[in-house]
């Protein structure tokens, strides 16, 4: 059985980020394909190579297929994007560290919550450059309220003055959502430390005052020998 399949590969709705592919199959085996990125047919079998050479010799055929990138792909992608935007919910992002700042290897976690639909891309930037190594991610997990969550992990060795960011691409966002990692403690944690230090200082002062009071009382006593 012989049949053909059209598909569109894309990572945004911009025309330059779209590839139109038109594949020919025989008995479930792809023997030739047109790619808008190449602008021509490519054969994958002996018969497919001959067919590709023939189709590539027809300027009208190549122009017709190349036009499908805009008339078929972009048209439908724009519709899908708009439908997703109409029903989408933007994610909430939080970054935290799961290991102490010991100067060695550390683990950062970028947690993305409460987004819909579930298709999402989560990545990392280090000083503005995409990180491709030592990055792992959980599956997209459904919550009971129909929203989703996902967690991306970055293992790294800290460098002084560097900037690390979590980048989220989602249908609800017109631009990527970039969240920067702030290694400083949040205000609530700083307050806990200040209160704890103040309590320790107050305890030391009271202990010292009690000791001085005791010494002075002891020096003012008159010892009476017992009979």
N, C-alpha and C. Protein backbone atom coordinates (compact mmCIF):
# COMPACT_ATOMS: atom_id res chain seq x y z
N UNK A 1 0.84 -1.20 0.00
CA UNK A 1 0.00 0.00 0.00
C UNK A 1 0.88 1.25 0.00
N UNK A 2 0.53 2.19 -0.86
CA UNK A 2 1.30 3.42 -0.97
C UNK A 2 0.46 4.59 -0.46
N UNK A 3 1.10 5.46 0.33
CA UNK A 3 0.39 6.64 0.84
C UNK A 3 1.41 7.74 1.15
N UNK A 4 0.88 8.96 1.34
CA UNK A 4 1.72 10.13 1.63
C UNK A 4 1.24 10.81 2.90
N UNK A 5 2.17 11.43 3.62
CA UNK A 5 1.86 12.10 4.89
C UNK A 5 2.53 13.47 4.91
N UNK A 6 1.75 14.49 5.27
CA UNK A 6 2.29 15.84 5.48
C UNK A 6 2.38 16.12 6.97
N UNK A 7 3.47 16.76 7.39
CA UNK A 7 3.59 17.14 8.80
C UNK A 7 4.39 18.43 8.92
N UNK A 8 4.22 19.08 10.06
CA UNK A 8 4.90 20.34 10.32
C UNK A 8 5.67 20.22 11.62
N UNK A 9 6.97 20.44 11.57
CA UNK A 9 7.81 20.48 12.76
C UNK A 9 8.10 21.94 13.09
N UNK A 10 7.90 22.33 14.36
CA UNK A 10 8.07 23.74 14.71
C UNK A 10 8.34 23.88 16.20
N UNK A 11 9.00 24.98 16.58
CA UNK A 11 9.17 25.33 17.99
C UNK A 11 8.66 26.72 18.30
N UNK A 12 8.04 27.37 17.32
CA UNK A 12 7.33 28.63 17.53
C UNK A 12 6.43 28.84 16.33
N UNK A 13 5.63 29.90 16.37
CA UNK A 13 4.73 30.19 15.25
C UNK A 13 5.39 31.05 14.18
N UNK A 14 6.67 31.39 14.36
CA UNK A 14 7.40 32.17 13.37
C UNK A 14 7.74 31.28 12.17
N UNK A 15 7.64 31.85 10.97
CA UNK A 15 7.83 31.07 9.75
C UNK A 15 9.22 30.44 9.68
N UNK A 16 10.24 31.15 10.17
CA UNK A 16 11.61 30.61 10.10
C UNK A 16 11.82 29.43 11.04
N UNK A 17 10.90 29.24 11.99
CA UNK A 17 11.02 28.13 12.94
C UNK A 17 10.13 26.95 12.56
N UNK A 18 9.63 26.94 11.33
CA UNK A 18 8.71 25.90 10.87
C UNK A 18 9.36 25.11 9.73
N UNK A 19 9.20 23.80 9.77
CA UNK A 19 9.65 22.95 8.66
C UNK A 19 8.48 22.11 8.17
N UNK A 20 8.22 22.17 6.88
CA UNK A 20 7.18 21.35 6.26
C UNK A 20 7.84 20.10 5.67
N UNK A 21 7.28 18.93 5.99
CA UNK A 21 7.81 17.66 5.51
C UNK A 21 6.69 16.87 4.84
N UNK A 22 6.95 16.42 3.62
CA UNK A 22 5.98 15.64 2.85
C UNK A 22 6.62 14.30 2.52
N UNK A 23 6.14 13.23 3.16
CA UNK A 23 6.77 11.91 3.05
C UNK A 23 5.92 10.95 2.23
N UNK A 24 6.61 10.11 1.44
CA UNK A 24 5.97 9.06 0.65
C UNK A 24 6.33 7.70 1.25
N UNK A 25 5.32 6.84 1.42
CA UNK A 25 5.52 5.52 2.01
C UNK A 25 5.02 4.43 1.07
N UNK A 26 5.68 3.28 1.16
CA UNK A 26 5.21 2.08 0.48
C UNK A 26 5.38 0.91 1.44
N UNK A 27 4.25 0.25 1.76
CA UNK A 27 4.26 -0.83 2.75
C UNK A 27 4.89 -0.36 4.07
N UNK A 28 4.49 0.83 4.52
CA UNK A 28 4.90 1.43 5.78
C UNK A 28 6.37 1.87 5.81
N UNK A 29 7.07 1.78 4.68
CA UNK A 29 8.47 2.20 4.60
C UNK A 29 8.56 3.52 3.85
N UNK A 30 9.17 4.53 4.48
CA UNK A 30 9.33 5.82 3.82
C UNK A 30 10.43 5.70 2.76
N UNK A 31 10.07 6.00 1.52
CA UNK A 31 11.06 5.88 0.45
C UNK A 31 11.52 7.23 -0.11
N UNK A 32 10.77 8.30 0.18
CA UNK A 32 11.18 9.63 -0.29
C UNK A 32 10.50 10.69 0.55
N UNK A 33 11.15 11.86 0.62
CA UNK A 33 10.62 12.95 1.46
C UNK A 33 11.01 14.29 0.88
N UNK A 34 10.04 15.24 0.94
CA UNK A 34 10.35 16.64 0.65
C UNK A 34 10.50 17.38 1.97
N UNK A 35 11.55 18.19 2.08
CA UNK A 35 11.78 19.01 3.27
C UNK A 35 11.89 20.47 2.85
N UNK A 36 11.10 21.33 3.48
CA UNK A 36 11.17 22.75 3.15
C UNK A 36 12.49 23.36 3.58
N UNK A 37 13.15 22.75 4.58
CA UNK A 37 14.46 23.26 5.01
C UNK A 37 15.52 23.02 3.94
N UNK A 38 15.39 21.89 3.23
CA UNK A 38 16.32 21.58 2.14
C UNK A 38 15.86 22.16 0.81
N UNK A 39 14.53 22.32 0.67
CA UNK A 39 13.98 22.83 -0.57
C UNK A 39 13.97 21.82 -1.70
N UNK A 40 14.02 20.53 -1.34
CA UNK A 40 14.05 19.49 -2.37
C UNK A 40 13.62 18.16 -1.77
N UNK A 41 13.48 17.16 -2.65
CA UNK A 41 13.18 15.79 -2.24
C UNK A 41 14.47 15.03 -1.95
N UNK A 42 14.36 14.06 -1.03
CA UNK A 42 15.48 13.17 -0.71
C UNK A 42 14.94 11.74 -0.75
N UNK A 43 15.66 10.83 -1.41
CA UNK A 43 15.25 9.44 -1.49
C UNK A 43 15.95 8.58 -0.46
N UNK A 44 15.25 7.55 0.05
CA UNK A 44 15.81 6.67 1.07
C UNK A 44 15.93 5.22 0.60
N UNK A 45 15.42 4.92 -0.57
CA UNK A 45 15.58 3.60 -1.18
C UNK A 45 16.03 3.82 -2.63
N UNK A 46 16.37 2.74 -3.29
CA UNK A 46 16.80 2.87 -4.69
C UNK A 46 15.69 3.48 -5.53
N UNK A 47 14.47 3.00 -5.32
CA UNK A 47 13.33 3.57 -6.04
C UNK A 47 13.09 5.02 -5.60
N UNK A 48 13.23 5.28 -4.29
CA UNK A 48 13.00 6.62 -3.77
C UNK A 48 13.98 7.64 -4.32
N UNK A 49 15.24 7.24 -4.51
CA UNK A 49 16.24 8.15 -5.07
C UNK A 49 15.86 8.54 -6.49
N UNK A 50 15.39 7.55 -7.28
CA UNK A 50 14.99 7.85 -8.65
C UNK A 50 13.78 8.79 -8.68
N UNK A 51 12.82 8.54 -7.78
CA UNK A 51 11.64 9.41 -7.71
C UNK A 51 12.02 10.81 -7.27
N UNK A 52 12.93 10.90 -6.28
CA UNK A 52 13.36 12.21 -5.79
C UNK A 52 14.04 13.00 -6.90
N UNK A 53 14.89 12.34 -7.66
CA UNK A 53 15.56 13.02 -8.77
C UNK A 53 14.55 13.54 -9.79
N UNK A 54 13.52 12.75 -10.04
CA UNK A 54 12.49 13.17 -11.00
C UNK A 54 11.72 14.38 -10.47
N UNK A 55 11.26 14.31 -9.22
CA UNK A 55 10.49 15.43 -8.66
C UNK A 55 11.35 16.69 -8.54
N UNK A 56 12.63 16.52 -8.23
CA UNK A 56 13.52 17.68 -8.12
C UNK A 56 13.77 18.34 -9.47
N UNK A 57 13.47 17.64 -10.55
CA UNK A 57 13.64 18.22 -11.89
C UNK A 57 12.42 19.03 -12.31
N UNK A 58 11.40 19.09 -11.45
CA UNK A 58 10.16 19.81 -11.76
C UNK A 58 10.07 21.06 -10.89
N UNK A 59 10.44 22.23 -11.39
CA UNK A 59 10.41 23.46 -10.58
C UNK A 59 9.03 23.76 -10.01
N UNK A 60 7.98 23.47 -10.76
CA UNK A 60 6.63 23.75 -10.29
C UNK A 60 6.29 22.88 -9.08
N UNK A 61 6.73 21.62 -9.09
CA UNK A 61 6.48 20.72 -7.96
C UNK A 61 7.20 21.20 -6.71
N UNK A 62 8.46 21.61 -6.86
CA UNK A 62 9.22 22.09 -5.71
C UNK A 62 8.61 23.37 -5.14
N UNK A 63 8.18 24.28 -6.03
CA UNK A 63 7.57 25.53 -5.58
C UNK A 63 6.26 25.27 -4.86
N UNK A 64 5.48 24.30 -5.37
CA UNK A 64 4.19 23.97 -4.74
C UNK A 64 4.40 23.40 -3.35
N UNK A 65 5.38 22.53 -3.21
CA UNK A 65 5.65 21.94 -1.89
C UNK A 65 6.21 22.98 -0.92
N UNK A 66 7.09 23.84 -1.41
CA UNK A 66 7.68 24.86 -0.54
C UNK A 66 6.62 25.82 -0.03
N UNK A 67 5.61 26.09 -0.85
CA UNK A 67 4.54 27.00 -0.46
C UNK A 67 3.70 26.43 0.68
N UNK A 68 3.68 25.10 0.81
CA UNK A 68 2.89 24.46 1.86
C UNK A 68 3.38 24.85 3.26
N UNK A 69 4.62 25.24 3.37
CA UNK A 69 5.14 25.67 4.66
C UNK A 69 4.33 26.82 5.23
N UNK A 70 3.90 27.72 4.35
CA UNK A 70 3.13 28.88 4.81
C UNK A 70 1.63 28.62 4.76
N UNK A 71 1.14 28.08 3.62
CA UNK A 71 -0.31 27.92 3.46
C UNK A 71 -0.88 26.79 4.32
N UNK A 72 -0.09 25.74 4.55
CA UNK A 72 -0.57 24.60 5.34
C UNK A 72 -0.07 24.67 6.78
N UNK A 73 1.24 24.78 6.97
CA UNK A 73 1.81 24.73 8.32
C UNK A 73 1.49 25.97 9.14
N UNK A 74 1.93 27.12 8.66
CA UNK A 74 1.77 28.33 9.47
C UNK A 74 0.31 28.64 9.73
N UNK A 75 -0.54 28.41 8.74
CA UNK A 75 -1.97 28.67 8.92
C UNK A 75 -2.53 27.86 10.09
N UNK A 76 -2.23 26.56 10.11
CA UNK A 76 -2.76 25.70 11.17
C UNK A 76 -2.06 25.92 12.51
N UNK A 77 -0.77 26.23 12.46
CA UNK A 77 -0.05 26.49 13.71
C UNK A 77 -0.59 27.74 14.39
N UNK A 78 -0.88 28.78 13.61
CA UNK A 78 -1.46 30.00 14.18
C UNK A 78 -2.80 29.71 14.86
N UNK A 79 -3.60 28.86 14.24
CA UNK A 79 -4.89 28.50 14.84
C UNK A 79 -4.69 27.75 16.15
N UNK A 80 -3.75 26.79 16.14
CA UNK A 80 -3.49 26.01 17.35
C UNK A 80 -2.93 26.88 18.47
N UNK A 81 -2.03 27.80 18.11
CA UNK A 81 -1.45 28.68 19.13
C UNK A 81 -2.53 29.55 19.76
N UNK A 82 -3.41 30.10 18.94
CA UNK A 82 -4.46 30.97 19.46
C UNK A 82 -5.41 30.20 20.36
N UNK A 83 -5.74 28.97 19.96
CA UNK A 83 -6.62 28.14 20.78
C UNK A 83 -5.97 27.83 22.12
N UNK A 84 -4.67 27.58 22.10
CA UNK A 84 -3.96 27.30 23.35
C UNK A 84 -3.90 28.53 24.24
N UNK A 85 -3.67 29.70 23.63
CA UNK A 85 -3.61 30.93 24.42
C UNK A 85 -4.95 31.25 25.06
N UNK A 86 -6.04 30.95 24.36
CA UNK A 86 -7.37 31.25 24.89
C UNK A 86 -7.70 30.40 26.11
N UNK A 87 -7.09 29.22 26.23
CA UNK A 87 -7.43 28.30 27.31
C UNK A 87 -6.26 28.05 28.25
N UNK A 88 -5.18 28.75 28.09
CA UNK A 88 -3.97 28.43 28.84
C UNK A 88 -3.90 29.18 30.16
N UNK A 89 -3.09 28.62 31.08
CA UNK A 89 -2.84 29.23 32.38
C UNK A 89 -1.32 29.31 32.56
N UNK A 90 -0.83 30.50 32.88
CA UNK A 90 0.61 30.73 33.00
C UNK A 90 1.18 30.02 34.22
N UNK A 91 2.41 29.53 34.14
CA UNK A 91 3.02 28.81 35.26
C UNK A 91 3.57 29.74 36.33
N UNK A 92 3.73 29.18 37.51
CA UNK A 92 4.43 29.83 38.62
C UNK A 92 5.75 29.10 38.83
N UNK A 93 6.85 29.86 38.94
CA UNK A 93 8.19 29.27 38.99
C UNK A 93 8.87 29.59 40.32
N UNK A 94 9.53 28.59 40.89
CA UNK A 94 10.30 28.78 42.12
C UNK A 94 11.60 27.99 42.00
N UNK A 95 12.72 28.63 42.34
CA UNK A 95 14.03 27.97 42.33
C UNK A 95 14.53 27.83 43.76
N UNK A 96 15.02 26.65 44.09
CA UNK A 96 15.62 26.46 45.41
C UNK A 96 16.78 25.48 45.31
N UNK A 97 17.63 25.51 46.33
CA UNK A 97 18.79 24.62 46.39
C UNK A 97 18.50 23.49 47.36
N UNK A 98 18.91 22.28 46.97
CA UNK A 98 18.69 21.13 47.84
C UNK A 98 19.96 20.68 48.54
N UNK A 99 21.06 21.41 48.36
CA UNK A 99 22.31 21.08 49.03
C UNK A 99 22.89 22.34 49.66
N UNK A 100 23.62 22.23 50.77
CA UNK A 100 24.20 23.41 51.41
C UNK A 100 25.32 24.01 50.58
N UNK A 101 25.59 25.28 50.82
CA UNK A 101 26.65 25.98 50.10
C UNK A 101 27.99 25.59 50.71
N UNK A 102 28.55 24.49 50.22
CA UNK A 102 29.79 23.96 50.78
C UNK A 102 30.99 24.23 49.89
N UNK A 103 30.78 24.90 48.74
CA UNK A 103 31.88 25.18 47.84
C UNK A 103 32.12 24.09 46.83
N UNK A 104 31.43 22.94 46.96
CA UNK A 104 31.58 21.85 46.01
C UNK A 104 30.41 21.81 45.05
N UNK A 105 30.05 20.61 44.59
CA UNK A 105 28.92 20.45 43.69
C UNK A 105 27.63 20.80 44.40
N UNK A 106 26.73 21.47 43.67
CA UNK A 106 25.45 21.85 44.24
C UNK A 106 24.33 21.42 43.30
N UNK A 107 23.12 21.39 43.83
CA UNK A 107 21.95 20.99 43.05
C UNK A 107 20.88 22.06 43.17
N UNK A 108 20.49 22.63 42.03
CA UNK A 108 19.39 23.59 41.99
C UNK A 108 18.16 22.91 41.40
N UNK A 109 17.00 23.28 41.91
CA UNK A 109 15.74 22.73 41.43
C UNK A 109 14.86 23.88 40.97
N UNK A 110 14.42 23.82 39.72
CA UNK A 110 13.46 24.78 39.19
C UNK A 110 12.09 24.10 39.17
N UNK A 111 11.21 24.52 40.06
CA UNK A 111 9.88 23.92 40.17
C UNK A 111 8.87 24.82 39.46
N UNK A 112 8.13 24.24 38.54
CA UNK A 112 7.14 24.98 37.75
C UNK A 112 5.76 24.43 38.09
N UNK A 113 4.88 25.30 38.58
CA UNK A 113 3.59 24.86 39.09
C UNK A 113 2.42 25.51 38.33
N UNK A 114 1.27 24.83 38.42
CA UNK A 114 -0.04 25.40 38.07
C UNK A 114 -0.11 25.94 36.64
N UNK A 115 0.33 25.14 35.67
CA UNK A 115 0.23 25.58 34.28
C UNK A 115 -0.70 24.66 33.49
N UNK A 116 -1.24 25.20 32.42
CA UNK A 116 -2.09 24.46 31.50
C UNK A 116 -2.03 25.15 30.13
N UNK A 117 -1.95 24.39 29.03
CA UNK A 117 -1.89 22.93 28.91
C UNK A 117 -0.54 22.37 29.36
N UNK A 118 -0.40 21.05 29.25
CA UNK A 118 0.75 20.40 29.87
C UNK A 118 2.04 20.51 29.06
N UNK A 119 1.96 20.83 27.76
CA UNK A 119 3.17 20.97 26.95
C UNK A 119 3.99 22.15 27.44
N UNK A 120 5.25 21.89 27.79
CA UNK A 120 6.09 22.93 28.37
C UNK A 120 7.55 22.56 28.16
N UNK A 121 8.41 23.57 28.10
CA UNK A 121 9.86 23.36 28.00
C UNK A 121 10.53 24.13 29.14
N UNK A 122 11.37 23.44 29.89
CA UNK A 122 12.09 24.06 31.01
C UNK A 122 13.59 23.85 30.79
N UNK A 123 14.34 24.94 30.83
CA UNK A 123 15.79 24.85 30.64
C UNK A 123 16.52 25.78 31.59
N UNK A 124 17.85 25.82 31.44
CA UNK A 124 18.70 26.62 32.33
C UNK A 124 19.64 27.50 31.52
N UNK A 125 19.93 28.68 32.06
CA UNK A 125 20.94 29.58 31.52
C UNK A 125 22.00 29.82 32.59
N UNK A 126 23.25 29.84 32.15
CA UNK A 126 24.35 30.16 33.06
C UNK A 126 25.16 31.28 32.44
N UNK A 127 25.06 32.46 33.04
CA UNK A 127 25.66 33.67 32.47
C UNK A 127 25.19 33.89 31.04
N UNK A 128 23.88 33.66 30.82
CA UNK A 128 23.27 33.91 29.52
C UNK A 128 23.43 32.80 28.51
N UNK A 129 24.19 31.73 28.83
CA UNK A 129 24.42 30.63 27.90
C UNK A 129 23.58 29.42 28.30
N UNK A 130 22.99 28.76 27.31
CA UNK A 130 22.16 27.59 27.59
C UNK A 130 23.00 26.46 28.17
N UNK A 131 22.47 25.83 29.22
CA UNK A 131 23.14 24.70 29.86
C UNK A 131 22.58 23.41 29.27
N UNK A 132 23.46 22.55 28.77
CA UNK A 132 23.02 21.30 28.14
C UNK A 132 23.50 20.06 28.88
N UNK A 133 24.37 20.22 29.87
CA UNK A 133 24.89 19.08 30.61
C UNK A 133 24.46 19.15 32.07
N UNK A 134 24.40 17.96 32.70
CA UNK A 134 24.05 17.84 34.12
C UNK A 134 22.67 18.41 34.42
N UNK A 135 21.76 18.27 33.46
CA UNK A 135 20.38 18.72 33.63
C UNK A 135 19.45 17.52 33.51
N UNK A 136 18.58 17.34 34.49
CA UNK A 136 17.57 16.28 34.45
C UNK A 136 16.21 16.89 34.78
N UNK A 137 15.16 16.16 34.46
CA UNK A 137 13.82 16.69 34.68
C UNK A 137 12.85 15.57 35.01
N UNK A 138 11.85 15.89 35.80
CA UNK A 138 10.78 14.94 36.08
C UNK A 138 9.80 14.94 34.91
N UNK A 139 8.88 14.01 34.93
CA UNK A 139 7.78 14.03 33.98
C UNK A 139 6.81 15.15 34.36
N UNK A 140 5.99 15.55 33.41
CA UNK A 140 4.93 16.51 33.73
C UNK A 140 3.86 15.79 34.55
N UNK A 141 3.60 16.29 35.74
CA UNK A 141 2.70 15.61 36.67
C UNK A 141 1.39 16.38 36.79
N UNK A 142 0.28 15.66 36.68
CA UNK A 142 -1.04 16.29 36.77
C UNK A 142 -1.44 16.47 38.22
N UNK A 143 -1.96 17.65 38.53
CA UNK A 143 -2.52 17.91 39.85
C UNK A 143 -4.01 17.56 39.85
N UNK A 144 -4.59 17.55 41.02
CA UNK A 144 -6.01 17.21 41.12
C UNK A 144 -6.92 18.29 40.55
N UNK A 145 -6.38 19.50 40.37
CA UNK A 145 -7.19 20.62 39.88
C UNK A 145 -7.02 20.84 38.37
N UNK A 146 -6.52 19.84 37.66
CA UNK A 146 -6.34 19.87 36.20
C UNK A 146 -5.12 20.65 35.76
N UNK A 147 -4.39 21.23 36.69
CA UNK A 147 -3.14 21.89 36.33
C UNK A 147 -2.00 20.88 36.37
N UNK A 148 -0.80 21.34 35.95
CA UNK A 148 0.36 20.46 35.90
C UNK A 148 1.54 21.10 36.62
N UNK A 149 2.51 20.25 36.95
CA UNK A 149 3.76 20.71 37.53
C UNK A 149 4.91 19.87 36.97
N UNK A 150 6.11 20.48 36.99
CA UNK A 150 7.31 19.79 36.52
C UNK A 150 8.50 20.37 37.28
N UNK A 151 9.55 19.56 37.45
CA UNK A 151 10.72 19.99 38.23
C UNK A 151 11.99 19.65 37.44
N UNK A 152 12.80 20.66 37.20
CA UNK A 152 14.06 20.49 36.48
C UNK A 152 15.22 20.66 37.45
N UNK A 153 16.24 19.79 37.33
CA UNK A 153 17.38 19.79 38.25
C UNK A 153 18.67 20.14 37.50
N UNK A 154 19.45 20.99 38.12
CA UNK A 154 20.75 21.38 37.57
C UNK A 154 21.83 21.12 38.62
N UNK A 155 22.78 20.24 38.28
CA UNK A 155 23.92 20.00 39.16
C UNK A 155 25.11 20.79 38.62
N UNK A 156 25.77 21.56 39.49
CA UNK A 156 26.82 22.45 39.01
C UNK A 156 27.82 22.75 40.13
N UNK A 157 28.95 23.30 39.72
CA UNK A 157 29.96 23.80 40.65
C UNK A 157 29.90 25.32 40.64
N UNK A 158 29.63 25.96 41.77
CA UNK A 158 29.46 27.42 41.80
C UNK A 158 30.70 28.17 41.35
N UNK A 159 30.47 29.30 40.67
CA UNK A 159 31.53 30.24 40.30
C UNK A 159 31.17 31.61 40.85
N UNK A 160 32.16 32.33 41.31
CA UNK A 160 31.92 33.64 41.91
C UNK A 160 31.33 34.61 40.89
N UNK A 161 30.25 35.28 41.28
CA UNK A 161 29.66 36.32 40.45
C UNK A 161 28.82 35.85 39.29
N UNK A 162 28.59 34.55 39.16
CA UNK A 162 27.83 34.05 38.02
C UNK A 162 26.33 34.25 38.23
N UNK A 163 25.57 34.19 37.12
CA UNK A 163 24.12 34.31 37.17
C UNK A 163 23.50 33.06 36.56
N UNK A 164 22.67 32.38 37.33
CA UNK A 164 21.99 31.17 36.88
C UNK A 164 20.49 31.44 36.82
N UNK A 165 19.87 31.03 35.72
CA UNK A 165 18.45 31.32 35.52
C UNK A 165 17.73 30.08 35.00
N UNK A 166 16.46 29.98 35.35
CA UNK A 166 15.58 28.94 34.83
C UNK A 166 14.69 29.58 33.76
N UNK A 167 14.59 28.92 32.60
CA UNK A 167 13.84 29.46 31.47
C UNK A 167 12.67 28.53 31.15
N UNK A 168 11.47 29.11 31.07
CA UNK A 168 10.26 28.33 30.82
C UNK A 168 9.59 28.83 29.54
N UNK A 169 9.31 27.90 28.62
CA UNK A 169 8.54 28.18 27.41
C UNK A 169 7.19 27.49 27.55
N UNK A 170 6.11 28.27 27.37
CA UNK A 170 4.77 27.70 27.52
C UNK A 170 3.80 28.48 26.63
N UNK A 171 2.72 27.81 26.23
CA UNK A 171 1.75 28.43 25.32
C UNK A 171 1.10 29.67 25.92
N UNK A 172 1.06 29.77 27.25
CA UNK A 172 0.44 30.92 27.90
C UNK A 172 1.34 32.15 27.90
N UNK A 173 2.59 31.98 27.49
CA UNK A 173 3.58 33.06 27.57
C UNK A 173 3.94 33.57 26.18
N UNK A 174 3.85 34.87 25.98
CA UNK A 174 4.29 35.44 24.70
C UNK A 174 5.81 35.42 24.60
N UNK A 175 6.48 35.58 25.72
CA UNK A 175 7.94 35.53 25.78
C UNK A 175 8.35 34.50 26.83
N UNK A 176 9.54 33.93 26.72
CA UNK A 176 10.00 32.98 27.74
C UNK A 176 10.00 33.61 29.13
N UNK A 177 9.62 32.82 30.12
CA UNK A 177 9.63 33.27 31.51
C UNK A 177 10.98 32.91 32.12
N UNK A 178 11.77 33.94 32.46
CA UNK A 178 13.12 33.74 32.98
C UNK A 178 13.13 34.11 34.46
N UNK A 179 13.51 33.16 35.29
CA UNK A 179 13.59 33.37 36.74
C UNK A 179 15.03 33.19 37.18
N UNK A 180 15.59 34.21 37.83
CA UNK A 180 16.99 34.17 38.24
C UNK A 180 17.12 33.56 39.64
N UNK A 181 18.16 32.76 39.81
CA UNK A 181 18.45 32.16 41.10
C UNK A 181 19.15 33.19 41.99
N UNK A 182 18.56 33.43 43.19
CA UNK A 182 19.15 34.35 44.16
C UNK A 182 19.67 33.54 45.33
N UNK A 183 20.99 33.38 45.45
CA UNK A 183 21.53 32.53 46.52
C UNK A 183 21.39 33.13 47.91
N UNK A 184 21.03 34.42 48.01
CA UNK A 184 20.86 35.02 49.33
C UNK A 184 19.60 34.48 49.99
N UNK A 185 19.58 34.51 51.31
CA UNK A 185 18.44 34.00 52.06
C UNK A 185 17.25 34.94 51.91
N UNK A 186 16.03 34.41 51.90
CA UNK A 186 14.85 35.28 51.91
C UNK A 186 14.73 36.03 53.21
N UNK A 187 13.93 37.08 53.21
CA UNK A 187 13.80 37.95 54.38
C UNK A 187 13.36 37.19 55.62
N UNK A 188 12.44 36.24 55.46
CA UNK A 188 11.95 35.49 56.61
C UNK A 188 13.07 34.69 57.27
N UNK A 189 13.97 34.11 56.42
CA UNK A 189 15.07 33.34 56.98
C UNK A 189 16.08 34.25 57.68
N UNK A 190 16.34 35.43 57.09
CA UNK A 190 17.26 36.36 57.74
C UNK A 190 16.71 36.80 59.09
N UNK A 191 15.39 37.01 59.17
CA UNK A 191 14.78 37.43 60.44
C UNK A 191 14.95 36.34 61.50
N UNK A 192 14.82 35.08 61.06
CA UNK A 192 14.99 33.98 62.02
C UNK A 192 16.40 33.98 62.60
N UNK A 193 17.39 34.22 61.72
CA UNK A 193 18.77 34.24 62.18
C UNK A 193 19.01 35.41 63.13
N UNK A 194 18.47 36.60 62.78
CA UNK A 194 18.64 37.78 63.63
C UNK A 194 18.00 37.56 64.99
N UNK A 195 16.78 37.01 65.00
CA UNK A 195 16.09 36.76 66.27
C UNK A 195 16.87 35.75 67.10
N UNK A 196 17.37 34.70 66.44
CA UNK A 196 18.14 33.69 67.17
C UNK A 196 19.41 34.26 67.75
N UNK A 197 20.12 35.09 66.97
CA UNK A 197 21.36 35.70 67.46
C UNK A 197 21.07 36.67 68.60
N UNK A 198 19.98 37.43 68.49
CA UNK A 198 19.61 38.37 69.55
C UNK A 198 19.28 37.62 70.83
N UNK A 199 18.56 36.51 70.68
CA UNK A 199 18.22 35.72 71.87
C UNK A 199 19.46 35.16 72.54
N UNK A 200 20.42 34.70 71.73
CA UNK A 200 21.66 34.16 72.30
C UNK A 200 22.44 35.25 73.03
N UNK A 201 22.51 36.45 72.42
CA UNK A 201 23.23 37.56 73.05
C UNK A 201 22.57 37.96 74.36
N UNK A 202 21.22 38.05 74.34
CA UNK A 202 20.50 38.41 75.56
C UNK A 202 20.73 37.38 76.65
N UNK A 203 20.76 36.11 76.27
CA UNK A 203 21.00 35.07 77.27
C UNK A 203 22.37 35.19 77.89
N UNK A 204 23.39 35.50 77.07
CA UNK A 204 24.75 35.67 77.59
C UNK A 204 24.83 36.87 78.53
N UNK A 205 24.16 37.97 78.17
CA UNK A 205 24.17 39.17 79.01
C UNK A 205 23.53 38.89 80.36
N UNK A 206 22.38 38.21 80.35
CA UNK A 206 21.70 37.90 81.61
C UNK A 206 22.53 36.96 82.48
N UNK A 207 23.19 36.00 81.82
CA UNK A 207 24.03 35.07 82.58
C UNK A 207 25.20 35.81 83.23
N UNK A 208 25.83 36.74 82.48
CA UNK A 208 26.94 37.50 83.01
C UNK A 208 26.49 38.40 84.16
N UNK A 209 25.32 39.03 84.01
CA UNK A 209 24.80 39.89 85.07
C UNK A 209 24.52 39.08 86.33
N UNK A 210 23.99 37.90 86.17
CA UNK A 210 23.71 37.05 87.33
C UNK A 210 24.99 36.63 88.03
N UNK A 211 26.04 36.34 87.23
CA UNK A 211 27.31 35.93 87.82
C UNK A 211 27.93 37.08 88.62
N UNK A 212 27.89 38.31 88.06
CA UNK A 212 28.44 39.48 88.77
C UNK A 212 27.68 39.74 90.06
N UNK A 213 26.35 39.63 89.99
CA UNK A 213 25.53 39.85 91.19
C UNK A 213 25.88 38.83 92.27
N UNK A 214 26.07 37.59 91.86
CA UNK A 214 26.41 36.54 92.83
C UNK A 214 27.76 36.81 93.48
N UNK A 215 28.76 37.24 92.70
CA UNK A 215 30.09 37.51 93.25
C UNK A 215 30.05 38.65 94.25
N UNK A 216 29.29 39.70 93.93
CA UNK A 216 29.21 40.83 94.85
C UNK A 216 28.52 40.43 96.14
N UNK A 217 27.49 39.66 96.09
CA UNK A 217 26.79 39.21 97.30
C UNK A 217 27.71 38.34 98.15
N UNK A 218 28.51 37.50 97.46
CA UNK A 218 29.40 36.62 98.20
C UNK A 218 30.48 37.42 98.93
N UNK A 219 30.99 38.51 98.30
CA UNK A 219 32.03 39.32 98.92
C UNK A 219 31.49 40.11 100.11
N UNK A 220 30.22 40.42 100.16
CA UNK A 220 29.65 41.22 101.25
C UNK A 220 29.20 40.41 102.44
N UNK A 221 29.34 39.12 102.39
CA UNK A 221 28.89 38.28 103.49
C UNK A 221 29.94 38.24 104.61
N UNK A 222 29.49 38.08 105.90
CA UNK A 222 30.38 37.88 107.05
C UNK A 222 30.26 36.44 107.49
N UNK A 223 31.37 35.75 107.46
CA UNK A 223 31.35 34.35 107.82
C UNK A 223 31.42 34.20 109.33
N UNK A 224 30.52 33.48 109.94
CA UNK A 224 30.47 33.23 111.39
C UNK A 224 30.85 31.79 111.63
N UNK A 225 31.94 31.58 112.44
CA UNK A 225 32.35 30.19 112.67
C UNK A 225 31.30 29.44 113.47
N UNK A 226 31.11 28.23 113.19
CA UNK A 226 30.12 27.41 113.90
C UNK A 226 30.78 26.78 115.11
N UNK A 227 30.00 26.58 116.19
CA UNK A 227 30.54 26.00 117.42
C UNK A 227 30.58 24.49 117.33
